Amino acid sequence: MVKLSINVDVDDLERAISFYGQTFGLTIGRRLGRFAVELVGAGSPIYLLAKPAASAPFPGSTATRT
């Protein structure tokens, strides 16, 4: 069996929790500090990670989060 780790960068953690909950029926499995949450209810847990909009996804990147 393949085990997936799904991470989604979001600029508003509470809004994202609400969106994924209402859209896909996911619920909070656990909070991982102030900037991350694990959502359960899908085949694999989904981790929402609070990251500022327009920030670089990694050092030296010319792309930014949109």
N, C-alpha and C. Protein backbone atom coordinates (compact mmCIF):
# COMPACT_ATOMS: atom_id res chain seq x y z
N MET A 1 0.84 -1.17 0.00
CA MET A 1 0.00 0.00 0.00
C MET A 1 0.89 1.24 0.00
N VAL A 2 0.50 2.24 -0.78
CA VAL A 2 1.21 3.51 -0.85
C VAL A 2 0.70 4.41 0.27
N LYS A 3 1.62 5.04 0.97
CA LYS A 3 1.24 5.99 2.02
C LYS A 3 1.59 7.39 1.52
N LEU A 4 0.59 8.26 1.47
CA LEU A 4 0.78 9.62 0.98
C LEU A 4 0.83 10.62 2.13
N SER A 5 1.59 11.66 1.93
CA SER A 5 1.59 12.80 2.83
C SER A 5 1.20 14.01 2.00
N ILE A 6 0.02 14.57 2.29
CA ILE A 6 -0.51 15.67 1.50
C ILE A 6 -0.41 16.94 2.33
N ASN A 7 0.36 17.91 1.83
CA ASN A 7 0.54 19.19 2.50
C ASN A 7 0.04 20.29 1.58
N VAL A 8 -0.80 21.17 2.12
CA VAL A 8 -1.34 22.28 1.35
C VAL A 8 -0.99 23.58 2.06
N ASP A 9 -0.28 24.46 1.38
CA ASP A 9 0.04 25.78 1.92
C ASP A 9 -1.19 26.68 1.77
N VAL A 10 -1.56 27.36 2.85
CA VAL A 10 -2.71 28.27 2.83
C VAL A 10 -2.32 29.57 3.51
N ASP A 11 -2.94 30.67 3.07
CA ASP A 11 -2.61 31.96 3.69
C ASP A 11 -3.53 32.29 4.86
N ASP A 12 -4.64 31.58 5.01
CA ASP A 12 -5.57 31.79 6.12
C ASP A 12 -6.01 30.42 6.63
N LEU A 13 -5.41 29.99 7.72
CA LEU A 13 -5.63 28.63 8.21
C LEU A 13 -7.09 28.39 8.59
N GLU A 14 -7.71 29.30 9.32
CA GLU A 14 -9.09 29.09 9.75
C GLU A 14 -10.05 29.05 8.57
N ARG A 15 -9.84 29.91 7.59
CA ARG A 15 -10.69 29.91 6.39
C ARG A 15 -10.51 28.60 5.62
N ALA A 16 -9.28 28.09 5.55
CA ALA A 16 -9.02 26.83 4.84
C ALA A 16 -9.66 25.66 5.57
N ILE A 17 -9.60 25.64 6.89
CA ILE A 17 -10.25 24.57 7.67
C ILE A 17 -11.74 24.56 7.34
N SER A 18 -12.35 25.72 7.33
CA SER A 18 -13.78 25.83 7.02
C SER A 18 -14.06 25.35 5.59
N PHE A 19 -13.26 25.79 4.64
CA PHE A 19 -13.46 25.40 3.23
C PHE A 19 -13.36 23.89 3.06
N TYR A 20 -12.29 23.27 3.54
CA TYR A 20 -12.11 21.83 3.36
C TYR A 20 -13.15 21.03 4.15
N GLY A 21 -13.58 21.58 5.27
CA GLY A 21 -14.63 20.91 6.04
C GLY A 21 -15.96 20.93 5.31
N GLN A 22 -16.36 22.09 4.82
CA GLN A 22 -17.64 22.22 4.13
C GLN A 22 -17.63 21.54 2.76
N THR A 23 -16.51 21.64 2.05
CA THR A 23 -16.45 21.11 0.69
C THR A 23 -16.28 19.59 0.66
N PHE A 24 -15.43 19.06 1.53
CA PHE A 24 -15.11 17.63 1.47
C PHE A 24 -15.52 16.86 2.72
N GLY A 25 -16.09 17.52 3.70
CA GLY A 25 -16.51 16.84 4.93
C GLY A 25 -15.36 16.44 5.84
N LEU A 26 -14.20 17.09 5.68
CA LEU A 26 -13.04 16.76 6.51
C LEU A 26 -13.17 17.43 7.87
N THR A 27 -12.58 16.82 8.88
CA THR A 27 -12.60 17.37 10.23
C THR A 27 -11.18 17.44 10.77
N ILE A 28 -11.01 18.24 11.80
CA ILE A 28 -9.68 18.38 12.40
C ILE A 28 -9.34 17.10 13.17
N GLY A 29 -8.23 16.49 12.78
CA GLY A 29 -7.72 15.34 13.51
C GLY A 29 -6.90 15.82 14.71
N ARG A 30 -6.06 16.81 14.43
CA ARG A 30 -5.26 17.44 15.49
C ARG A 30 -4.65 18.73 14.98
N ARG A 31 -4.46 19.62 15.92
CA ARG A 31 -3.76 20.88 15.62
C ARG A 31 -2.29 20.66 15.91
N LEU A 32 -1.46 21.18 15.05
CA LEU A 32 -0.01 21.01 15.18
C LEU A 32 0.60 22.40 15.39
N GLY A 33 0.35 22.97 16.54
CA GLY A 33 0.81 24.32 16.82
C GLY A 33 -0.16 25.33 16.24
N ARG A 34 0.30 26.58 16.13
CA ARG A 34 -0.56 27.66 15.64
C ARG A 34 -0.61 27.73 14.12
N PHE A 35 0.30 27.04 13.45
CA PHE A 35 0.44 27.23 12.00
C PHE A 35 0.19 25.98 11.17
N ALA A 36 -0.37 24.94 11.77
CA ALA A 36 -0.63 23.72 11.00
C ALA A 36 -1.77 22.93 11.63
N VAL A 37 -2.49 22.21 10.80
CA VAL A 37 -3.57 21.36 11.26
C VAL A 37 -3.64 20.12 10.38
N GLU A 38 -4.00 19.00 10.99
CA GLU A 38 -4.20 17.76 10.26
C GLU A 38 -5.70 17.56 10.09
N LEU A 39 -6.13 17.40 8.84
CA LEU A 39 -7.53 17.12 8.55
C LEU A 39 -7.68 15.64 8.23
N VAL A 40 -8.74 15.03 8.76
CA VAL A 40 -8.99 13.61 8.52
C VAL A 40 -10.37 13.45 7.88
N GLY A 41 -10.58 12.28 7.29
CA GLY A 41 -11.84 11.97 6.65
C GLY A 41 -11.67 11.58 5.19
N ALA A 42 -10.44 11.69 4.69
CA ALA A 42 -10.11 11.25 3.33
C ALA A 42 -9.27 9.99 3.44
N GLY A 43 -8.83 9.44 2.33
CA GLY A 43 -8.00 8.24 2.33
C GLY A 43 -6.65 8.44 3.00
N SER A 44 -6.17 9.67 3.00
CA SER A 44 -4.92 10.06 3.65
C SER A 44 -5.18 11.36 4.40
N PRO A 45 -4.48 11.58 5.52
CA PRO A 45 -4.65 12.86 6.19
C PRO A 45 -4.13 13.99 5.30
N ILE A 46 -4.72 15.15 5.45
CA ILE A 46 -4.30 16.34 4.72
C ILE A 46 -3.83 17.37 5.74
N TYR A 47 -2.63 17.89 5.51
CA TYR A 47 -2.05 18.87 6.42
C TYR A 47 -2.14 20.25 5.80
N LEU A 48 -2.77 21.17 6.50
CA LEU A 48 -2.83 22.56 6.08
C LEU A 48 -1.73 23.31 6.81
N LEU A 49 -0.90 24.02 6.06
CA LEU A 49 0.24 24.73 6.61
C LEU A 49 0.09 26.21 6.31
N ALA A 50 0.03 27.04 7.34
CA ALA A 50 -0.11 28.48 7.16
C ALA A 50 1.19 29.06 6.63
N LYS A 51 1.12 29.63 5.44
CA LYS A 51 2.27 30.27 4.78
C LYS A 51 1.78 31.58 4.18
N PRO A 52 2.51 32.69 4.35
CA PRO A 52 2.06 33.97 3.81
C PRO A 52 1.96 33.95 2.27
N ALA A 53 0.92 34.59 1.76
CA ALA A 53 0.80 34.76 0.31
C ALA A 53 2.00 35.54 -0.19
N ALA A 54 2.44 35.25 -1.39
CA ALA A 54 3.56 35.91 -2.07
C ALA A 54 4.92 35.57 -1.46
N SER A 55 4.97 34.62 -0.52
CA SER A 55 6.27 34.20 0.01
C SER A 55 6.86 33.12 -0.89
N ALA A 56 8.17 32.96 -0.83
CA ALA A 56 8.86 31.96 -1.65
C ALA A 56 8.65 30.57 -1.03
N PRO A 57 8.41 29.56 -1.84
CA PRO A 57 8.21 28.20 -1.31
C PRO A 57 9.51 27.57 -0.78
N PHE A 58 10.66 28.08 -1.23
CA PHE A 58 11.94 27.60 -0.72
C PHE A 58 12.98 28.69 -1.00
N PRO A 59 14.06 28.72 -0.23
CA PRO A 59 15.07 29.77 -0.41
C PRO A 59 15.63 29.79 -1.83
N GLY A 60 15.72 30.98 -2.41
CA GLY A 60 16.27 31.14 -3.74
C GLY A 60 15.26 30.98 -4.86
N SER A 61 14.00 30.66 -4.53
CA SER A 61 12.98 30.48 -5.55
C SER A 61 12.61 31.81 -6.18
N THR A 62 12.38 31.79 -7.48
CA THR A 62 11.87 32.99 -8.16
C THR A 62 10.34 32.96 -8.21
N ALA A 63 9.74 31.83 -7.91
CA ALA A 63 8.29 31.71 -7.86
C ALA A 63 7.81 32.11 -6.47
N THR A 64 6.56 32.53 -6.38
CA THR A 64 5.96 32.85 -5.09
C THR A 64 4.63 32.15 -4.96
N ARG A 65 4.16 32.01 -3.73
CA ARG A 65 2.86 31.40 -3.49
C ARG A 65 1.77 32.35 -3.96
N THR A 66 0.76 31.79 -4.63
CA THR A 66 -0.38 32.59 -5.08
C THR A 66 -1.65 32.05 -4.51
